[in-house]
C-alpha cells in the first residue's frame, strides 16, 4: 500500500514528506510505547501513535521506518515536525482514534506484525514456542 493511500484511508493531513507519498508500506504498528515498537516490529512499515515527542521519530529512524501517523487529533510541535523532515520521515496526522485507524488500515489490506498472537503471549511470559 502506498503512503498516499494510508493518508486517504485515515483522512489524514500530510505534515511532512509530500514527495514520499508514493513509497510502499507493507505493515503497520499501533503503539504509544516505543519499547513495544522496538521489540515487536519486524517489517519496515508505518507507526500509528498518540505519543507526541521526539522519541517517536528517533524510534522510527532506529527501526528504518519512514512514516508515522499521529492519531486522536494529536498535533506534534513544530520542532518534532522539523526533526522528522530533516530525517526524511513522513508525518501524517488524523483525528481518528488509534483503534479505528488500525482497523481501517487492516480492512484495506495492510497487515501487522508477523509474530503470531500465541507467540506474542509466550514471549511476554518468557516461555518459548514448542
N, C-alpha and C. Protein backbone atom coordinates (compact mmCIF):
# COMPACT_ATOMS: atom_id res chain seq x y z
N UNK A 1 0.85 -1.17 0.00
CA UNK A 1 0.00 0.00 0.00
C UNK A 1 0.89 1.24 0.00
N UNK A 2 0.52 2.23 -0.75
CA UNK A 2 1.28 3.48 -0.79
C UNK A 2 0.89 4.37 0.39
N UNK A 3 1.84 5.19 0.83
CA UNK A 3 1.57 6.10 1.93
C UNK A 3 0.42 7.04 1.57
N UNK A 4 0.30 7.41 0.31
CA UNK A 4 -0.81 8.27 -0.11
C UNK A 4 -2.15 7.59 0.16
N UNK A 5 -2.22 6.27 -0.01
CA UNK A 5 -3.45 5.53 0.28
C UNK A 5 -3.72 5.51 1.79
N UNK A 6 -2.68 5.37 2.58
CA UNK A 6 -2.82 5.41 4.04
C UNK A 6 -3.43 6.75 4.43
N UNK A 7 -2.89 7.83 3.89
CA UNK A 7 -3.40 9.17 4.21
C UNK A 7 -4.87 9.30 3.82
N UNK A 8 -5.23 8.77 2.67
CA UNK A 8 -6.61 8.85 2.21
C UNK A 8 -7.54 8.04 3.12
N UNK A 9 -7.15 6.82 3.43
CA UNK A 9 -7.98 5.93 4.27
C UNK A 9 -8.20 6.55 5.65
N UNK A 10 -7.18 7.19 6.18
CA UNK A 10 -7.26 7.76 7.53
C UNK A 10 -7.71 9.21 7.54
N UNK A 11 -8.03 9.74 6.35
CA UNK A 11 -8.44 11.15 6.26
C UNK A 11 -7.39 12.03 6.95
N UNK A 12 -6.12 11.72 6.67
CA UNK A 12 -5.01 12.34 7.38
C UNK A 12 -4.45 13.54 6.63
N UNK A 13 -3.95 14.45 7.42
CA UNK A 13 -3.24 15.61 6.93
C UNK A 13 -1.76 15.24 6.79
N UNK A 14 -1.12 15.63 5.69
CA UNK A 14 0.30 15.37 5.48
C UNK A 14 1.07 16.56 6.04
N UNK A 15 1.90 16.31 7.06
CA UNK A 15 2.68 17.38 7.68
C UNK A 15 4.08 17.48 7.10
N UNK A 16 4.66 16.36 6.72
CA UNK A 16 5.98 16.33 6.06
C UNK A 16 5.98 15.18 5.06
N UNK A 17 6.88 15.26 4.10
CA UNK A 17 7.11 14.15 3.19
C UNK A 17 6.17 14.05 2.02
N UNK A 18 5.64 15.18 1.57
CA UNK A 18 4.75 15.15 0.41
C UNK A 18 5.39 14.48 -0.79
N UNK A 19 6.71 14.55 -0.89
CA UNK A 19 7.44 13.95 -2.00
C UNK A 19 7.65 12.44 -1.83
N UNK A 20 7.23 11.88 -0.69
CA UNK A 20 7.43 10.46 -0.42
C UNK A 20 6.12 9.68 -0.35
N UNK A 21 5.04 10.26 -0.78
CA UNK A 21 3.73 9.62 -0.65
C UNK A 21 3.58 8.40 -1.54
N UNK A 22 4.46 8.22 -2.52
CA UNK A 22 4.40 7.04 -3.39
C UNK A 22 5.18 5.85 -2.82
N UNK A 23 5.83 6.03 -1.67
CA UNK A 23 6.55 4.91 -1.05
C UNK A 23 5.57 3.83 -0.62
N UNK A 24 5.98 2.58 -0.75
CA UNK A 24 5.16 1.44 -0.36
C UNK A 24 5.44 1.06 1.09
N UNK A 25 4.37 0.73 1.81
CA UNK A 25 4.49 0.17 3.16
C UNK A 25 3.77 -1.17 3.15
N UNK A 26 4.28 -2.10 3.93
CA UNK A 26 3.74 -3.46 3.92
C UNK A 26 3.17 -3.89 5.26
N UNK A 27 3.35 -3.05 6.28
CA UNK A 27 2.81 -3.39 7.59
C UNK A 27 2.60 -2.11 8.40
N UNK A 28 1.87 -2.26 9.49
CA UNK A 28 1.62 -1.13 10.38
C UNK A 28 1.69 -1.61 11.83
N UNK A 29 2.00 -0.68 12.70
CA UNK A 29 2.06 -0.97 14.13
C UNK A 29 1.40 0.20 14.85
N UNK A 30 0.50 -0.09 15.76
CA UNK A 30 -0.13 0.95 16.56
C UNK A 30 0.33 0.85 17.99
N UNK A 31 1.03 1.87 18.48
CA UNK A 31 1.53 1.81 19.85
C UNK A 31 1.92 3.19 20.35
N UNK A 32 1.69 3.40 21.65
CA UNK A 32 2.20 4.60 22.32
C UNK A 32 3.44 4.26 23.13
N UNK A 33 3.83 2.99 23.11
CA UNK A 33 5.02 2.55 23.85
C UNK A 33 6.14 2.21 22.86
N UNK A 34 7.15 3.04 22.83
CA UNK A 34 8.23 2.83 21.87
C UNK A 34 9.01 1.55 22.17
N UNK A 35 9.01 1.09 23.40
CA UNK A 35 9.68 -0.18 23.72
C UNK A 35 8.99 -1.33 23.00
N UNK A 36 7.67 -1.29 22.85
CA UNK A 36 6.96 -2.33 22.11
C UNK A 36 7.32 -2.27 20.63
N UNK A 37 7.45 -1.09 20.10
CA UNK A 37 7.84 -0.95 18.69
C UNK A 37 9.21 -1.57 18.48
N UNK A 38 10.13 -1.27 19.37
CA UNK A 38 11.48 -1.83 19.26
C UNK A 38 11.48 -3.35 19.39
N UNK A 39 10.61 -3.89 20.23
CA UNK A 39 10.58 -5.32 20.48
C UNK A 39 9.85 -6.12 19.41
N UNK A 40 8.78 -5.57 18.84
CA UNK A 40 7.91 -6.38 18.00
C UNK A 40 7.87 -6.04 16.52
N UNK A 41 8.27 -4.85 16.12
CA UNK A 41 8.19 -4.50 14.71
C UNK A 41 9.31 -5.20 13.96
N UNK A 42 8.92 -5.99 12.97
CA UNK A 42 9.91 -6.76 12.20
C UNK A 42 10.03 -6.24 10.77
N UNK A 43 8.96 -5.68 10.25
CA UNK A 43 8.97 -5.19 8.87
C UNK A 43 9.01 -3.68 8.88
N UNK A 44 9.62 -3.13 7.84
CA UNK A 44 9.56 -1.69 7.68
C UNK A 44 8.12 -1.34 7.36
N UNK A 45 7.56 -0.44 8.09
CA UNK A 45 6.17 -0.08 7.87
C UNK A 45 5.90 1.28 8.44
N UNK A 46 4.66 1.46 8.88
CA UNK A 46 4.29 2.74 9.47
C UNK A 46 3.93 2.53 10.93
N UNK A 47 4.09 3.59 11.69
CA UNK A 47 3.74 3.58 13.10
C UNK A 47 2.57 4.52 13.31
N UNK A 48 1.56 4.04 14.01
CA UNK A 48 0.45 4.88 14.44
C UNK A 48 0.62 5.10 15.93
N UNK A 49 0.59 6.35 16.36
CA UNK A 49 0.84 6.64 17.77
C UNK A 49 0.15 7.92 18.21
N UNK A 50 -0.19 7.96 19.48
CA UNK A 50 -0.70 9.18 20.08
C UNK A 50 0.35 9.85 20.94
N UNK A 51 1.53 9.26 20.98
CA UNK A 51 2.64 9.83 21.74
C UNK A 51 3.30 10.91 20.90
N UNK A 52 3.40 12.09 21.46
CA UNK A 52 3.94 13.23 20.72
C UNK A 52 5.24 13.67 21.38
N UNK A 53 6.34 13.04 20.98
CA UNK A 53 7.65 13.52 21.41
C UNK A 53 8.71 13.06 20.41
N UNK A 54 9.89 13.57 20.56
CA UNK A 54 10.95 13.31 19.59
C UNK A 54 11.38 11.84 19.60
N UNK A 55 11.13 11.13 20.70
CA UNK A 55 11.50 9.71 20.77
C UNK A 55 10.76 8.89 19.72
N UNK A 56 9.57 9.31 19.34
CA UNK A 56 8.84 8.60 18.29
C UNK A 56 9.63 8.64 16.99
N UNK A 57 10.12 9.79 16.63
CA UNK A 57 10.90 9.93 15.39
C UNK A 57 12.21 9.17 15.51
N UNK A 58 12.86 9.26 16.65
CA UNK A 58 14.12 8.52 16.86
C UNK A 58 13.90 7.01 16.76
N UNK A 59 12.78 6.53 17.28
CA UNK A 59 12.46 5.10 17.19
C UNK A 59 12.27 4.69 15.74
N UNK A 60 11.56 5.49 14.97
CA UNK A 60 11.36 5.19 13.55
C UNK A 60 12.70 5.09 12.84
N UNK A 61 13.59 6.02 13.14
CA UNK A 61 14.91 6.02 12.49
C UNK A 61 15.69 4.76 12.86
N UNK A 62 15.62 4.34 14.12
CA UNK A 62 16.32 3.13 14.56
C UNK A 62 15.77 1.90 13.85
N UNK A 63 14.46 1.89 13.60
CA UNK A 63 13.80 0.73 13.01
C UNK A 63 13.74 0.81 11.48
N UNK A 64 14.35 1.83 10.90
CA UNK A 64 14.35 2.02 9.45
C UNK A 64 12.92 2.12 8.90
N UNK A 65 12.06 2.78 9.67
CA UNK A 65 10.68 3.04 9.24
C UNK A 65 10.64 4.46 8.68
N UNK A 66 9.67 4.72 7.81
CA UNK A 66 9.68 6.03 7.16
C UNK A 66 8.39 6.82 7.28
N UNK A 67 7.45 6.36 8.12
CA UNK A 67 6.18 7.08 8.23
C UNK A 67 5.57 6.90 9.62
N UNK A 68 5.09 8.00 10.17
CA UNK A 68 4.34 7.97 11.43
C UNK A 68 3.01 8.67 11.20
N UNK A 69 1.97 8.11 11.82
CA UNK A 69 0.65 8.72 11.81
C UNK A 69 0.31 9.05 13.25
N UNK A 70 0.17 10.34 13.55
CA UNK A 70 -0.26 10.74 14.89
C UNK A 70 -1.78 10.72 14.91
N UNK A 71 -2.34 9.96 15.84
CA UNK A 71 -3.78 9.71 15.92
C UNK A 71 -4.43 10.57 17.01
N UNK A 72 -5.74 10.43 17.12
CA UNK A 72 -6.54 11.10 18.16
C UNK A 72 -6.44 12.62 18.10
N UNK A 73 -6.19 13.16 16.91
CA UNK A 73 -6.12 14.61 16.76
C UNK A 73 -4.88 15.25 17.36
N UNK A 74 -3.92 14.42 17.76
CA UNK A 74 -2.68 14.96 18.34
C UNK A 74 -1.89 15.67 17.24
N UNK A 75 -1.45 16.88 17.54
CA UNK A 75 -0.66 17.65 16.59
C UNK A 75 0.74 17.83 17.16
N UNK A 76 1.76 17.29 16.48
CA UNK A 76 3.12 17.42 17.00
C UNK A 76 3.60 18.86 16.91
N UNK A 77 4.43 19.29 17.87
CA UNK A 77 5.00 20.63 17.81
C UNK A 77 5.94 20.77 16.61
N UNK A 78 6.17 22.00 16.22
CA UNK A 78 6.99 22.30 15.04
C UNK A 78 8.38 21.65 15.13
N UNK A 79 8.98 21.61 16.30
CA UNK A 79 10.32 21.03 16.45
C UNK A 79 10.36 19.56 16.06
N UNK A 80 9.32 18.82 16.40
CA UNK A 80 9.26 17.41 16.05
C UNK A 80 9.03 17.24 14.56
N UNK A 81 8.16 18.06 14.01
CA UNK A 81 7.91 18.02 12.56
C UNK A 81 9.19 18.37 11.79
N UNK A 82 9.89 19.38 12.24
CA UNK A 82 11.14 19.77 11.59
C UNK A 82 12.18 18.65 11.66
N UNK A 83 12.31 18.01 12.83
CA UNK A 83 13.25 16.91 13.00
C UNK A 83 12.89 15.75 12.07
N UNK A 84 11.62 15.44 11.97
CA UNK A 84 11.17 14.38 11.06
C UNK A 84 11.51 14.74 9.62
N UNK A 85 11.23 15.96 9.23
CA UNK A 85 11.50 16.38 7.86
C UNK A 85 12.99 16.32 7.55
N UNK A 86 13.83 16.76 8.48
CA UNK A 86 15.28 16.71 8.30
C UNK A 86 15.77 15.28 8.10
N UNK A 87 15.06 14.32 8.66
CA UNK A 87 15.47 12.92 8.59
C UNK A 87 14.68 12.09 7.60
N UNK A 88 13.88 12.74 6.77
CA UNK A 88 13.16 12.04 5.70
C UNK A 88 11.98 11.21 6.15
N UNK A 89 11.39 11.54 7.31
CA UNK A 89 10.25 10.79 7.83
C UNK A 89 8.96 11.48 7.40
N UNK A 90 8.04 10.71 6.87
CA UNK A 90 6.72 11.22 6.52
C UNK A 90 5.90 11.30 7.79
N UNK A 91 5.26 12.44 8.03
CA UNK A 91 4.42 12.62 9.21
C UNK A 91 3.00 12.92 8.74
N UNK A 92 2.08 12.06 9.19
CA UNK A 92 0.66 12.25 8.93
C UNK A 92 -0.04 12.50 10.25
N UNK A 93 -1.19 13.18 10.21
CA UNK A 93 -1.97 13.43 11.41
C UNK A 93 -3.43 13.20 11.09
N UNK A 94 -4.12 12.43 11.95
CA UNK A 94 -5.53 12.13 11.75
C UNK A 94 -6.31 12.41 13.04
N UNK A 95 -7.55 12.76 12.87
CA UNK A 95 -8.45 12.96 14.01
C UNK A 95 -8.97 11.62 14.54
N UNK A 96 -8.82 10.57 13.76
CA UNK A 96 -9.36 9.26 14.15
C UNK A 96 -8.64 8.69 15.37
N UNK A 97 -9.35 7.91 16.18
CA UNK A 97 -8.67 7.24 17.30
C UNK A 97 -7.79 6.11 16.80
N UNK A 98 -6.91 5.63 17.65
CA UNK A 98 -5.97 4.56 17.30
C UNK A 98 -6.70 3.31 16.80
N UNK A 99 -7.71 2.86 17.55
CA UNK A 99 -8.41 1.63 17.21
C UNK A 99 -9.03 1.71 15.82
N UNK A 100 -9.72 2.78 15.54
CA UNK A 100 -10.35 2.92 14.23
C UNK A 100 -9.31 3.05 13.12
N UNK A 101 -8.25 3.77 13.38
CA UNK A 101 -7.19 3.93 12.38
C UNK A 101 -6.58 2.58 12.00
N UNK A 102 -6.23 1.79 13.02
CA UNK A 102 -5.67 0.46 12.76
C UNK A 102 -6.70 -0.41 12.04
N UNK A 103 -7.94 -0.35 12.47
CA UNK A 103 -8.99 -1.15 11.84
C UNK A 103 -9.20 -0.81 10.39
N UNK A 104 -9.20 0.46 10.07
CA UNK A 104 -9.37 0.88 8.67
C UNK A 104 -8.22 0.37 7.80
N UNK A 105 -7.00 0.48 8.31
CA UNK A 105 -5.84 0.02 7.52
C UNK A 105 -5.87 -1.49 7.36
N UNK A 106 -6.21 -2.21 8.41
CA UNK A 106 -6.30 -3.67 8.34
C UNK A 106 -7.38 -4.09 7.34
N UNK A 107 -8.54 -3.44 7.40
CA UNK A 107 -9.64 -3.76 6.48
C UNK A 107 -9.26 -3.47 5.03
N UNK A 108 -8.35 -2.51 4.84
CA UNK A 108 -7.90 -2.16 3.49
C UNK A 108 -6.77 -3.06 3.00
N UNK A 109 -6.33 -4.01 3.85
CA UNK A 109 -5.34 -4.99 3.42
C UNK A 109 -3.95 -4.80 3.98
N UNK A 110 -3.74 -3.82 4.83
CA UNK A 110 -2.41 -3.62 5.40
C UNK A 110 -2.27 -4.51 6.63
N UNK A 111 -1.25 -5.34 6.65
CA UNK A 111 -1.05 -6.27 7.75
C UNK A 111 -0.30 -5.65 8.90
N UNK A 112 -0.15 -6.45 9.95
CA UNK A 112 0.57 -6.02 11.13
C UNK A 112 1.85 -6.81 11.29
N UNK A 113 2.25 -7.00 12.52
CA UNK A 113 3.47 -7.73 12.85
C UNK A 113 3.36 -9.17 12.34
N UNK A 114 4.48 -9.76 12.02
CA UNK A 114 4.47 -11.14 11.55
C UNK A 114 4.63 -12.15 12.69
N UNK A 115 4.52 -11.71 13.93
CA UNK A 115 4.58 -12.61 15.08
C UNK A 115 3.17 -13.08 15.38
N UNK A 116 2.90 -14.39 15.36
CA UNK A 116 1.55 -14.87 15.67
C UNK A 116 1.14 -14.48 17.08
N UNK A 117 -0.16 -14.32 17.30
CA UNK A 117 -0.67 -13.90 18.60
C UNK A 117 -0.20 -14.83 19.72
N UNK A 118 -0.21 -16.14 19.50
CA UNK A 118 0.24 -17.09 20.53
C UNK A 118 1.70 -16.86 20.86
N UNK A 119 2.51 -16.57 19.86
CA UNK A 119 3.93 -16.30 20.08
C UNK A 119 4.15 -15.06 20.90
N UNK A 120 3.31 -14.05 20.69
CA UNK A 120 3.44 -12.82 21.47
C UNK A 120 3.14 -13.07 22.93
N UNK A 121 2.12 -13.86 23.22
CA UNK A 121 1.76 -14.15 24.62
C UNK A 121 2.88 -14.93 25.29
N UNK A 122 3.46 -15.89 24.58
CA UNK A 122 4.53 -16.69 25.17
C UNK A 122 5.79 -15.86 25.37
N UNK A 123 6.07 -14.94 24.43
CA UNK A 123 7.24 -14.08 24.62
C UNK A 123 7.06 -13.21 25.84
N UNK A 124 5.85 -12.73 26.06
CA UNK A 124 5.58 -11.84 27.18
C UNK A 124 5.80 -12.53 28.52
N UNK A 125 5.49 -13.84 28.59
CA UNK A 125 5.66 -14.52 29.88
C UNK A 125 6.99 -15.29 29.97
N UNK A 126 7.83 -15.15 28.94
CA UNK A 126 9.17 -15.73 28.99
C UNK A 126 9.26 -17.17 28.51
N UNK A 127 8.18 -17.77 28.05
CA UNK A 127 8.25 -19.13 27.55
C UNK A 127 8.48 -19.12 26.05
N UNK A 128 8.80 -20.25 25.51
CA UNK A 128 9.08 -20.33 24.08
C UNK A 128 8.04 -21.20 23.39
N UNK A 129 7.89 -20.96 22.06
CA UNK A 129 7.01 -21.84 21.27
C UNK A 129 7.59 -23.24 21.20
N UNK A 130 6.73 -24.24 21.22
CA UNK A 130 7.21 -25.62 21.11
C UNK A 130 6.92 -26.16 19.75
